[in-house]
Amino acid sequence: MEDKRLKIGLPSGSLMEQTLGLFAKAGFLISGAGRSYRPSVDDPELTVRLLRAQEISRYVEDGFLDCGITGRDWVAENNSDVASLCDLPYSKVSAAPTRWVVVVPEDSPVQKVEDLAGKRVATEAVGLTKEFFRRRGIEAEVEFSWGATEVKVPDLVDAIVDITETGSSLRANKLRILETIMESYPVFIANRDAYSDEWKRGKMDRVLLLLQGALAARDKVGVKMNLPKASLENLLERLPALRNPTVSPLAQDGWVAVETVIDEKVVREIIPQLKALGAEGIIEYPLNKLVY
């Protein structure tokens, strides 16, 4: 019988820790990532490879990998012909997308991107940047940067195109954002031939379902309690966050058990209100996955 395995590429570098944590929440334990680009995973149907996010879409397109997670920006930068199955909204710091931005020094005379005509711009995303300037009809000299891009202005180049989440590093280096070129989330991509294979497509869909469930459970908790039945309608009216909970009768007449999912940040406000309505045995518990 053929050994059925799905080859998946995951990003090393700044997104690795968050990606491995997401897979752990989804139920896949990946170990040895700190020592090898071939870590082990506790699913015999998966083979994991850790690679730079910049490279993953090319290896997926060429069939060396069946699927992978990389930034939507790198798929566009590489102009990769792959199937994009789903955005996965997580990043290094927050759930916000990363942004490719055009940046100049705070004291630069450049006030808009059109002022960069004839100027030199450094970036790691040369393709994205050239396409942006082409669409805007701006003729600028775009050069590849091997890293530490933000230290190159103003001595070496007039502007940079760099990636940021919060903008704090740019501000700390006294840099000013002119415009956003692109927003990007991690995206689950697949080789088109692999996705046409029934078994591989099914495996990808199952993995993706669990990853989406793990993301949906982020920042949410489960809450359950016992409540006098007479207080149930009042609870639903006063606490809209608890609409459509699961309500079950208890053996004790006149009481019900209520269970629901709410945002973790509102728990400290809701629990005292629950208590005031006569709720007892209030339990808050963490969630790994939430599948709608």
C-alpha atoms as a PDB file:
ATOM      1  CA  MET A   1       0.000   0.000   0.000  1.00  0.00           C
ATOM      2  CA  GLU A   2       1.290   3.446  -0.920  1.00  0.00           C
ATOM      3  CA  ASP A   3       2.613   5.484   2.007  1.00  0.00           C
ATOM      4  CA  LYS A   4       0.259   8.460   2.088  1.00  0.00           C
ATOM      5  CA  ARG A   5       1.982  11.601   3.342  1.00  0.00           C
ATOM      6  CA  LEU A   6       1.274  15.265   2.852  1.00  0.00           C
ATOM      7  CA  LYS A   7       4.388  17.426   2.529  1.00  0.00           C
ATOM      8  CA  ILE A   8       3.793  20.806   4.144  1.00  0.00           C
ATOM      9  CA  GLY A   9       6.146  23.772   4.378  1.00  0.00           C
ATOM     10  CA  LEU A  10       5.997  26.023   7.427  1.00  0.00           C
ATOM     11  CA  PRO A  11       7.800  29.347   7.888  1.00  0.00           C
ATOM     12  CA  SER A  12      10.981  29.513   9.910  1.00  0.00           C
ATOM     13  CA  GLY A  13      12.195  32.795  11.344  1.00  0.00           C
ATOM     14  CA  SER A  14       9.932  35.340  13.004  1.00  0.00           C
ATOM     15  CA  LEU A  15       6.673  33.457  12.351  1.00  0.00           C
ATOM     16  CA  MET A  16       7.892  30.010  13.403  1.00  0.00           C
ATOM     17  CA  GLU A  17       6.951  30.173  17.083  1.00  0.00           C
ATOM     18  CA  GLN A  18       3.445  31.459  16.373  1.00  0.00           C
ATOM     19  CA  THR A  19       2.938  28.889  13.609  1.00  0.00           C
ATOM     20  CA  LEU A  20       4.035  25.951  15.753  1.00  0.00           C
ATOM     21  CA  GLY A  21       1.812  27.230  18.558  1.00  0.00           C
ATOM     22  CA  LEU A  22      -1.155  27.370  16.181  1.00  0.00           C
ATOM     23  CA  PHE A  23      -0.515  23.798  15.060  1.00  0.00           C
ATOM     24  CA  ALA A  24      -0.275  22.695  18.703  1.00  0.00           C
ATOM     25  CA  LYS A  25      -3.685  24.275  19.399  1.00  0.00           C
ATOM     26  CA  ALA A  26      -5.004  22.478  16.334  1.00  0.00           C
ATOM     27  CA  GLY A  27      -3.746  19.169  17.758  1.00  0.00           C
ATOM     28  CA  PHE A  28      -0.446  18.666  15.910  1.00  0.00           C
ATOM     29  CA  LEU A  29       2.673  18.452  18.087  1.00  0.00           C
ATOM     30  CA  ILE A  30       5.746  19.489  16.084  1.00  0.00           C
ATOM     31  CA  SER A  31       9.063  18.917  17.870  1.00  0.00           C
ATOM     32  CA  GLY A  32      12.720  19.472  17.075  1.00  0.00           C
ATOM     33  CA  ALA A  33      12.107  22.704  15.154  1.00  0.00           C
ATOM     34  CA  GLY A  34      14.961  24.428  16.924  1.00  0.00           C
ATOM     35  CA  ARG A  35      17.494  21.856  15.745  1.00  0.00           C
ATOM     36  CA  SER A  36      16.429  20.882  12.239  1.00  0.00           C
ATOM     37  CA  TYR A  37      14.503  22.105   9.243  1.00  0.00           C
ATOM     38  CA  ARG A  38      12.941  18.605   9.244  1.00  0.00           C
ATOM     39  CA  PRO A  39      11.109  18.519  12.578  1.00  0.00           C
ATOM     40  CA  SER A  40       9.017  15.562  13.640  1.00  0.00           C
ATOM     41  CA  VAL A  41       5.239  15.692  13.931  1.00  0.00           C
ATOM     42  CA  ASP A  42       2.914  13.327  15.755  1.00  0.00           C
ATOM     43  CA  ASP A  43       0.815  12.684  12.647  1.00  0.00           C
ATOM     44  CA  PRO A  44       2.165   9.894  10.409  1.00  0.00           C
ATOM     45  CA  GLU A  45       0.348  11.416   7.435  1.00  0.00           C
ATOM     46  CA  LEU A  46       2.312  14.670   7.599  1.00  0.00           C
ATOM     47  CA  THR A  47       5.875  15.565   6.643  1.00  0.00           C
ATOM     48  CA  VAL A  48       6.933  19.034   7.831  1.00  0.00           C
ATOM     49  CA  ARG A  49       9.680  21.203   6.375  1.00  0.00           C
ATOM     50  CA  LEU A  50      10.729  24.523   7.886  1.00  0.00           C
ATOM     51  CA  LEU A  51      11.793  27.056   5.273  1.00  0.00           C
ATOM     52  CA  ARG A  52      12.053  30.794   4.864  1.00  0.00           C
ATOM     53  CA  ALA A  53       8.617  32.255   4.173  1.00  0.00           C
ATOM     54  CA  GLN A  54      10.106  33.942   1.098  1.00  0.00           C
ATOM     55  CA  GLU A  55      10.798  30.535  -0.500  1.00  0.00           C
ATOM     56  CA  ILE A  56       7.770  28.444   0.368  1.00  0.00           C
ATOM     57  CA  SER A  57       5.457  29.464  -2.478  1.00  0.00           C
ATOM     58  CA  ARG A  58       8.130  28.590  -5.078  1.00  0.00           C
ATOM     59  CA  TYR A  59       8.625  25.109  -3.631  1.00  0.00           C
ATOM     60  CA  VAL A  60       4.854  24.571  -3.497  1.00  0.00           C
ATOM     61  CA  GLU A  61       4.432  25.739  -7.089  1.00  0.00           C
ATOM     62  CA  ASP A  62       7.227  23.422  -8.263  1.00  0.00           C
ATOM     63  CA  GLY A  63       5.763  20.427  -6.406  1.00  0.00           C
ATOM     64  CA  PHE A  64       8.574  19.871  -3.926  1.00  0.00           C
ATOM     65  CA  LEU A  65       5.918  20.625  -1.294  1.00  0.00           C
ATOM     66  CA  ASP A  66       2.223  19.749  -1.517  1.00  0.00           C
ATOM     67  CA  CYS A  67       1.152  22.764   0.503  1.00  0.00           C
ATOM     68  CA  GLY A  68       2.434  25.346   2.930  1.00  0.00           C
ATOM     69  CA  ILE A  69       1.887  28.485   4.939  1.00  0.00           C
ATOM     70  CA  THR A  70       3.534  31.695   3.842  1.00  0.00           C
ATOM     71  CA  GLY A  71       2.688  35.349   3.529  1.00  0.00           C
ATOM     72  CA  ARG A  72       0.327  36.441   0.797  1.00  0.00           C
ATOM     73  CA  ASP A  73       2.962  39.063   0.059  1.00  0.00           C
ATOM     74  CA  TRP A  74       5.580  36.438  -0.802  1.00  0.00           C
ATOM     75  CA  VAL A  75       3.169  34.596  -3.076  1.00  0.00           C
ATOM     76  CA  ALA A  76       2.720  37.876  -4.960  1.00  0.00           C
ATOM     77  CA  GLU A  77       6.446  38.716  -4.866  1.00  0.00           C
ATOM     78  CA  ASN A  78       7.328  35.324  -6.383  1.00  0.00           C
ATOM     79  CA  ASN A  79       4.364  35.482  -8.788  1.00  0.00           C
ATOM     80  CA  SER A  80       3.675  31.882  -7.787  1.00  0.00           C
ATOM     81  CA  ASP A  81       0.925  29.920  -9.512  1.00  0.00           C
ATOM     82  CA  VAL A  82      -0.546  28.157  -6.478  1.00  0.00           C
ATOM     83  CA  ALA A  83      -4.010  27.595  -5.029  1.00  0.00           C
ATOM     84  CA  SER A  84      -4.655  29.968  -2.121  1.00  0.00           C
ATOM     85  CA  LEU A  85      -7.041  28.065   0.158  1.00  0.00           C
ATOM     86  CA  CYS A  86      -7.483  30.394   3.110  1.00  0.00           C
ATOM     87  CA  ASP A  87      -6.056  33.395   4.948  1.00  0.00           C
ATOM     88  CA  LEU A  88      -4.875  32.573   8.467  1.00  0.00           C
ATOM     89  CA  PRO A  89      -5.073  35.856  10.422  1.00  0.00           C
ATOM     90  CA  TYR A  90      -2.155  35.652  12.822  1.00  0.00           C
ATOM     91  CA  SER A  91       1.226  37.352  12.876  1.00  0.00           C
ATOM     92  CA  LYS A  92       4.336  37.776  15.013  1.00  0.00           C
ATOM     93  CA  VAL A  93       2.847  40.290  17.433  1.00  0.00           C
ATOM     94  CA  SER A  94      -0.915  40.383  16.969  1.00  0.00           C
ATOM     95  CA  ALA A  95      -3.839  39.303  14.815  1.00  0.00           C
ATOM     96  CA  ALA A  96      -3.389  42.360  12.609  1.00  0.00           C
ATOM     97  CA  PRO A  97      -1.983  42.028   9.092  1.00  0.00           C
ATOM     98  CA  THR A  98       1.586  42.984   8.292  1.00  0.00           C
ATOM     99  CA  ARG A  99       2.057  45.917   5.922  1.00  0.00           C
ATOM    100  CA  TRP A 100       4.583  46.729   3.236  1.00  0.00           C
ATOM    101  CA  VAL A 101       5.082  50.481   3.485  1.00  0.00           C
ATOM    102  CA  VAL A 102       7.031  53.177   1.663  1.00  0.00           C
ATOM    103  CA  VAL A 103       9.234  54.899   4.240  1.00  0.00           C
ATOM    104  CA  VAL A 104      11.458  57.995   4.315  1.00  0.00           C
ATOM    105  CA  PRO A 105      13.367  59.754   7.108  1.00  0.00           C
ATOM    106  CA  GLU A 106      11.281  62.046   9.308  1.00  0.00           C
ATOM    107  CA  ASP A 107      13.080  65.130   7.969  1.00  0.00           C
ATOM    108  CA  SER A 108      13.014  64.078   4.304  1.00  0.00           C
ATOM    109  CA  PRO A 109      11.634  66.642   1.840  1.00  0.00           C
ATOM    110  CA  VAL A 110       9.696  63.781   0.214  1.00  0.00           C
ATOM    111  CA  GLN A 111       6.023  64.181   1.137  1.00  0.00           C
ATOM    112  CA  LYS A 112       4.311  61.763  -1.273  1.00  0.00           C
ATOM    113  CA  VAL A 113       5.348  58.732  -3.296  1.00  0.00           C
ATOM    114  CA  GLU A 114       5.311  60.754  -6.513  1.00  0.00           C
ATOM    115  CA  ASP A 115       8.250  62.724  -5.091  1.00  0.00           C
ATOM    116  CA  LEU A 116      10.358  59.550  -5.380  1.00  0.00           C
ATOM    117  CA  ALA A 117      10.540  59.787  -9.171  1.00  0.00           C
ATOM    118  CA  GLY A 118      14.203  59.439 -10.102  1.00  0.00           C
ATOM    119  CA  LYS A 119      15.120  58.463  -6.518  1.00  0.00           C
ATOM    120  CA  ARG A 120      16.688  55.267  -5.169  1.00  0.00           C
ATOM    121  CA  VAL A 121      14.543  52.855  -3.122  1.00  0.00           C
ATOM    122  CA  ALA A 122      15.806  49.753  -1.268  1.00  0.00           C
ATOM    123  CA  THR A 123      13.632  46.772  -0.361  1.00  0.00           C
ATOM    124  CA  GLU A 124      13.576  43.008   0.018  1.00  0.00           C
ATOM    125  CA  ALA A 125      10.329  42.871  -1.990  1.00  0.00           C
ATOM    126  CA  VAL A 126      11.646  44.163  -5.303  1.00  0.00           C
ATOM    127  CA  GLY A 127       8.815  42.720  -7.389  1.00  0.00           C
ATOM    128  CA  LEU A 128       6.057  44.184  -5.219  1.00  0.00           C
ATOM    129  CA  THR A 129       7.766  47.546  -5.128  1.00  0.00           C
ATOM    130  CA  LYS A 130       8.426  47.778  -8.853  1.00  0.00           C
ATOM    131  CA  GLU A 131       4.831  46.815  -9.597  1.00  0.00           C
ATOM    132  CA  PHE A 132       3.566  49.473  -7.155  1.00  0.00           C
ATOM    133  CA  PHE A 133       5.613  52.214  -8.803  1.00  0.00           C
ATOM    134  CA  ARG A 134       4.639  50.971 -12.264  1.00  0.00           C
ATOM    135  CA  ARG A 135       0.934  51.221 -11.419  1.00  0.00           C
ATOM    136  CA  ARG A 136       1.479  54.729 -10.119  1.00  0.00           C
ATOM    137  CA  GLY A 137       3.488  55.783 -13.150  1.00  0.00           C
ATOM    138  CA  ILE A 138       6.561  56.582 -11.050  1.00  0.00           C
ATOM    139  CA  GLU A 139      10.033  55.858 -12.405  1.00  0.00           C
ATOM    140  CA  ALA A 140      12.202  55.103  -9.375  1.00  0.00           C
ATOM    141  CA  GLU A 141      15.358  53.000  -9.068  1.00  0.00           C
ATOM    142  CA  VAL A 142      14.503  49.959  -6.965  1.00  0.00           C
ATOM    143  CA  GLU A 143      17.326  47.845  -5.549  1.00  0.00           C
ATOM    144  CA  PHE A 144      17.349  44.643  -3.502  1.00  0.00           C
ATOM    145  CA  SER A 145      18.227  44.883   0.182  1.00  0.00           C
ATOM    146  CA  TRP A 146      19.687  41.902   2.020  1.00  0.00           C
ATOM    147  CA  GLY A 147      18.380  43.098   5.378  1.00  0.00           C
ATOM    148  CA  ALA A 148      18.760  45.923   7.892  1.00  0.00           C
ATOM    149  CA  THR A 149      16.906  47.966   5.287  1.00  0.00           C
ATOM    150  CA  GLU A 150      15.850  50.700   7.699  1.00  0.00           C
ATOM    151  CA  VAL A 151      19.434  51.778   8.405  1.00  0.00           C
ATOM    152  CA  LYS A 152      20.105  52.578   4.722  1.00  0.00           C
ATOM    153  CA  VAL A 153      18.204  55.873   4.675  1.00  0.00           C
ATOM    154  CA  PRO A 154      19.200  58.578   4.105  1.00  0.00           C
ATOM    155  CA  ASP A 155      22.898  57.802   3.532  1.00  0.00           C
ATOM    156  CA  LEU A 156      22.579  55.066   0.916  1.00  0.00           C
ATOM    157  CA  VAL A 157      19.054  55.410  -0.490  1.00  0.00           C
ATOM    158  CA  ASP A 158      16.294  58.017  -0.539  1.00  0.00           C
ATOM    159  CA  ALA A 159      13.536  55.696   0.683  1.00  0.00           C
ATOM    160  CA  ILE A 160      12.835  52.095   1.615  1.00  0.00           C
ATOM    161  CA  VAL A 161       9.915  49.726   1.305  1.00  0.00           C
ATOM    162  CA  ASP A 162       9.819  47.655   4.460  1.00  0.00           C
ATOM    163  CA  ILE A 163       7.438  45.355   6.331  1.00  0.00           C
ATOM    164  CA  THR A 164       5.872  46.358   9.632  1.00  0.00           C
ATOM    165  CA  GLU A 165       3.109  45.324  12.011  1.00  0.00           C
ATOM    166  CA  THR A 166       2.853  48.189  14.464  1.00  0.00           C
ATOM    167  CA  GLY A 167       5.232  50.756  12.981  1.00  0.00           C
ATOM    168  CA  SER A 168       7.025  51.100  16.330  1.00  0.00           C
ATOM    169  CA  SER A 169      10.445  50.067  14.963  1.00  0.00           C
ATOM    170  CA  LEU A 170      10.155  52.574  12.144  1.00  0.00           C
ATOM    171  CA  ARG A 171       9.229  55.361  14.535  1.00  0.00           C
ATOM    172  CA  ALA A 172      12.117  54.415  16.826  1.00  0.00           C
ATOM    173  CA  ASN A 173      14.465  54.854  13.856  1.00  0.00           C
ATOM    174  CA  LYS A 174      12.929  58.288  13.082  1.00  0.00           C
ATOM    175  CA  LEU A 175      11.286  57.085   9.893  1.00  0.00           C
ATOM    176  CA  ARG A 176       7.997  58.246   8.392  1.00  0.00           C
ATOM    177  CA  ILE A 177       5.483  56.133   6.454  1.00  0.00           C
ATOM    178  CA  LEU A 178       4.321  57.640   3.168  1.00  0.00           C
ATOM    179  CA  GLU A 179       1.957  54.951   1.971  1.00  0.00           C
ATOM    180  CA  THR A 180       1.019  51.290   2.331  1.00  0.00           C
ATOM    181  CA  ILE A 181       1.773  49.118  -0.684  1.00  0.00           C
ATOM    182  CA  MET A 182       0.149  45.921   0.540  1.00  0.00           C
ATOM    183  CA  GLU A 183      -1.386  44.273   3.607  1.00  0.00           C
ATOM    184  CA  SER A 184      -0.641  40.614   4.116  1.00  0.00           C
ATOM    185  CA  TYR A 185      -1.736  37.695   6.283  1.00  0.00           C
ATOM    186  CA  PRO A 186      -0.276  34.213   6.290  1.00  0.00           C
ATOM    187  CA  VAL A 187      -2.108  32.127   3.696  1.00  0.00           C
ATOM    188  CA  PHE A 188      -2.490  28.378   3.317  1.00  0.00           C
ATOM    189  CA  ILE A 189      -1.437  27.529  -0.235  1.00  0.00           C
ATOM    190  CA  ALA A 190      -1.443  24.296  -2.229  1.00  0.00           C
ATOM    191  CA  ASN A 191       0.245  22.909  -5.307  1.00  0.00           C
ATOM    192  CA  ARG A 192      -2.477  22.702  -7.941  1.00  0.00           C
ATOM    193  CA  ASP A 193      -1.714  19.101  -8.905  1.00  0.00           C
ATOM    194  CA  ALA A 194      -1.571  18.036  -5.250  1.00  0.00           C
ATOM    195  CA  TYR A 195      -4.917  19.691  -4.551  1.00  0.00           C
ATOM    196  CA  SER A 196      -6.467  17.769  -7.447  1.00  0.00           C
ATOM    197  CA  ASP A 197      -5.443  14.511  -5.729  1.00  0.00           C
ATOM    198  CA  GLU A 198      -8.440  13.309  -3.711  1.00  0.00           C
ATOM    199  CA  TRP A 199      -6.495  12.054  -0.691  1.00  0.00           C
ATOM    200  CA  LYS A 200      -4.163  15.044  -0.467  1.00  0.00           C
ATOM    201  CA  ARG A 201      -7.034  17.504  -0.882  1.00  0.00           C
ATOM    202  CA  GLY A 202      -8.963  15.759   1.880  1.00  0.00           C
ATOM    203  CA  LYS A 203      -5.959  15.844   4.200  1.00  0.00           C
ATOM    204  CA  MET A 204      -5.339  19.534   3.496  1.00  0.00           C
ATOM    205  CA  ASP A 205      -8.985  20.339   4.149  1.00  0.00           C
ATOM    206  CA  ARG A 206      -8.902  18.484   7.468  1.00  0.00           C
ATOM    207  CA  VAL A 207      -5.713  20.243   8.599  1.00  0.00           C
ATOM    208  CA  LEU A 208      -7.111  23.602   7.541  1.00  0.00           C
ATOM    209  CA  LEU A 209     -10.378  22.997   9.397  1.00  0.00           C
ATOM    210  CA  LEU A 210      -8.442  22.395  12.622  1.00  0.00           C
ATOM    211  CA  LEU A 211      -6.211  25.429  12.085  1.00  0.00           C
ATOM    212  CA  GLN A 212      -9.247  27.633  11.491  1.00  0.00           C
ATOM    213  CA  GLY A 213     -10.852  26.210  14.628  1.00  0.00           C
ATOM    214  CA  ALA A 214      -7.738  27.057  16.637  1.00  0.00           C
ATOM    215  CA  LEU A 215      -7.783  30.624  15.318  1.00  0.00           C
ATOM    216  CA  ALA A 216     -11.505  30.997  16.004  1.00  0.00           C
ATOM    217  CA  ALA A 217     -10.913  30.000  19.645  1.00  0.00           C
ATOM    218  CA  ARG A 218      -8.228  32.648  20.112  1.00  0.00           C
ATOM    219  CA  ASP A 219      -9.113  35.201  22.806  1.00  0.00           C
ATOM    220  CA  LYS A 220     -12.297  33.301  23.692  1.00  0.00           C
ATOM    221  CA  VAL A 221     -13.184  31.161  26.697  1.00  0.00           C
ATOM    222  CA  GLY A 222     -15.981  28.843  27.656  1.00  0.00           C
ATOM    223  CA  VAL A 223     -18.219  29.725  30.604  1.00  0.00           C
ATOM    224  CA  LYS A 224     -20.736  27.484  32.316  1.00  0.00           C
ATOM    225  CA  MET A 225     -22.864  27.947  35.409  1.00  0.00           C
ATOM    226  CA  ASN A 226     -25.991  26.846  37.211  1.00  0.00           C
ATOM    227  CA  LEU A 227     -28.802  29.394  37.274  1.00  0.00           C
ATOM    228  CA  PRO A 228     -32.343  29.667  38.648  1.00  0.00           C
ATOM    229  CA  LYS A 229     -34.642  29.144  35.673  1.00  0.00           C
ATOM    230  CA  ALA A 230     -36.584  32.242  36.650  1.00  0.00           C
ATOM    231  CA  SER A 231     -33.444  34.351  36.032  1.00  0.00           C
ATOM    232  CA  LEU A 232     -32.687  32.932  32.565  1.00  0.00           C
ATOM    233  CA  GLU A 233     -34.697  35.430  30.523  1.00  0.00           C
ATOM    234  CA  ASN A 234     -33.262  38.309  32.534  1.00  0.00           C
ATOM    235  CA  LEU A 235     -29.744  37.000  31.913  1.00  0.00           C
ATOM    236  CA  LEU A 236     -30.286  36.773  28.160  1.00  0.00           C
ATOM    237  CA  GLU A 237     -31.729  40.292  28.021  1.00  0.00           C
ATOM    238  CA  ARG A 238     -29.059  41.948  30.120  1.00  0.00           C
ATOM    239  CA  LEU A 239     -26.077  40.077  28.778  1.00  0.00           C
ATOM    240  CA  PRO A 240     -26.262  40.013  24.968  1.00  0.00           C
ATOM    241  CA  ALA A 241     -22.830  38.374  24.839  1.00  0.00           C
ATOM    242  CA  LEU A 242     -24.531  35.244  26.143  1.00  0.00           C
ATOM    243  CA  ARG A 243     -27.198  34.967  23.442  1.00  0.00           C
ATOM    244  CA  ASN A 244     -27.936  31.468  22.167  1.00  0.00           C
ATOM    245  CA  PRO A 245     -26.191  29.556  24.947  1.00  0.00           C
ATOM    246  CA  THR A 246     -26.707  25.876  25.620  1.00  0.00           C
ATOM    247  CA  VAL A 247     -29.377  25.545  28.311  1.00  0.00           C
ATOM    248  CA  SER A 248     -30.040  22.204  30.034  1.00  0.00           C
ATOM    249  CA  PRO A 249     -32.394  21.339  32.890  1.00  0.00           C
ATOM    250  CA  LEU A 250     -30.836  20.214  36.175  1.00  0.00           C
ATOM    251  CA  ALA A 251     -32.100  17.474  38.454  1.00  0.00           C
ATOM    252  CA  GLN A 252     -33.016  20.173  40.967  1.00  0.00           C
ATOM    253  CA  ASP A 253     -36.376  21.668  40.021  1.00  0.00           C
ATOM    254  CA  GLY A 254     -36.287  25.286  38.915  1.00  0.00           C
ATOM    255  CA  TRP A 255     -32.614  25.302  37.936  1.00  0.00           C
ATOM    256  CA  VAL A 256     -30.833  25.125  34.596  1.00  0.00           C
ATOM    257  CA  ALA A 257     -27.240  24.717  33.467  1.00  0.00           C
ATOM    258  CA  VAL A 258     -26.037  27.385  31.034  1.00  0.00           C
ATOM    259  CA  GLU A 259     -22.915  27.082  28.870  1.00  0.00           C
ATOM    260  CA  THR A 260     -21.571  29.464  26.246  1.00  0.00           C
ATOM    261  CA  VAL A 261     -18.469  30.975  24.626  1.00  0.00           C
ATOM    262  CA  ILE A 262     -17.503  34.615  25.149  1.00  0.00           C
ATOM    263  CA  ASP A 263     -14.560  36.932  24.561  1.00  0.00           C
ATOM    264  CA  GLU A 264     -11.979  36.483  27.299  1.00  0.00           C
ATOM    265  CA  LYS A 265     -11.585  40.232  27.788  1.00  0.00           C
ATOM    266  CA  VAL A 266     -15.194  40.650  28.961  1.00  0.00           C
ATOM    267  CA  VAL A 267     -15.182  37.806  31.486  1.00  0.00           C
ATOM    268  CA  ARG A 268     -14.153  40.040  34.394  1.00  0.00           C
ATOM    269  CA  GLU A 269     -17.179  42.233  33.732  1.00  0.00           C
ATOM    270  CA  ILE A 270     -19.672  39.456  33.095  1.00  0.00           C
ATOM    271  CA  ILE A 271     -18.929  37.103  35.997  1.00  0.00           C
ATOM    272  CA  PRO A 272     -19.974  39.608  38.726  1.00  0.00           C
ATOM    273  CA  GLN A 273     -23.207  40.227  36.791  1.00  0.00           C
ATOM    274  CA  LEU A 274     -23.830  36.490  36.568  1.00  0.00           C
ATOM    275  CA  LYS A 275     -23.356  36.199  40.300  1.00  0.00           C
ATOM    276  CA  ALA A 276     -25.795  39.056  40.890  1.00  0.00           C
ATOM    277  CA  LEU A 277     -28.404  37.174  38.859  1.00  0.00           C
ATOM    278  CA  GLY A 278     -28.094  34.163  41.170  1.00  0.00           C
ATOM    279  CA  ALA A 279     -25.696  32.037  39.139  1.00  0.00           C
ATOM    280  CA  GLU A 280     -23.716  29.424  41.064  1.00  0.00           C
ATOM    281  CA  GLY A 281     -20.801  27.140  40.228  1.00  0.00           C
ATOM    282  CA  ILE A 282     -19.492  29.531  37.573  1.00  0.00           C
ATOM    283  CA  ILE A 283     -16.608  27.948  35.667  1.00  0.00           C
ATOM    284  CA  GLU A 284     -14.361  29.594  33.086  1.00  0.00           C
ATOM    285  CA  TYR A 285     -12.220  27.326  30.906  1.00  0.00           C
ATOM    286  CA  PRO A 286      -9.801  27.824  27.992  1.00  0.00           C
ATOM    287  CA  LEU A 287     -10.547  26.701  24.440  1.00  0.00           C
ATOM    288  CA  ASN A 288      -8.228  25.098  21.914  1.00  0.00           C
ATOM    289  CA  LYS A 289     -10.565  24.987  18.942  1.00  0.00           C
ATOM    290  CA  LEU A 290     -13.916  26.514  18.007  1.00  0.00           C
ATOM    291  CA  VAL A 291     -15.485  25.019  14.886  1.00  0.00           C
ATOM    292  CA  TYR A 292     -18.677  26.646  13.700  1.00  0.00           C
END
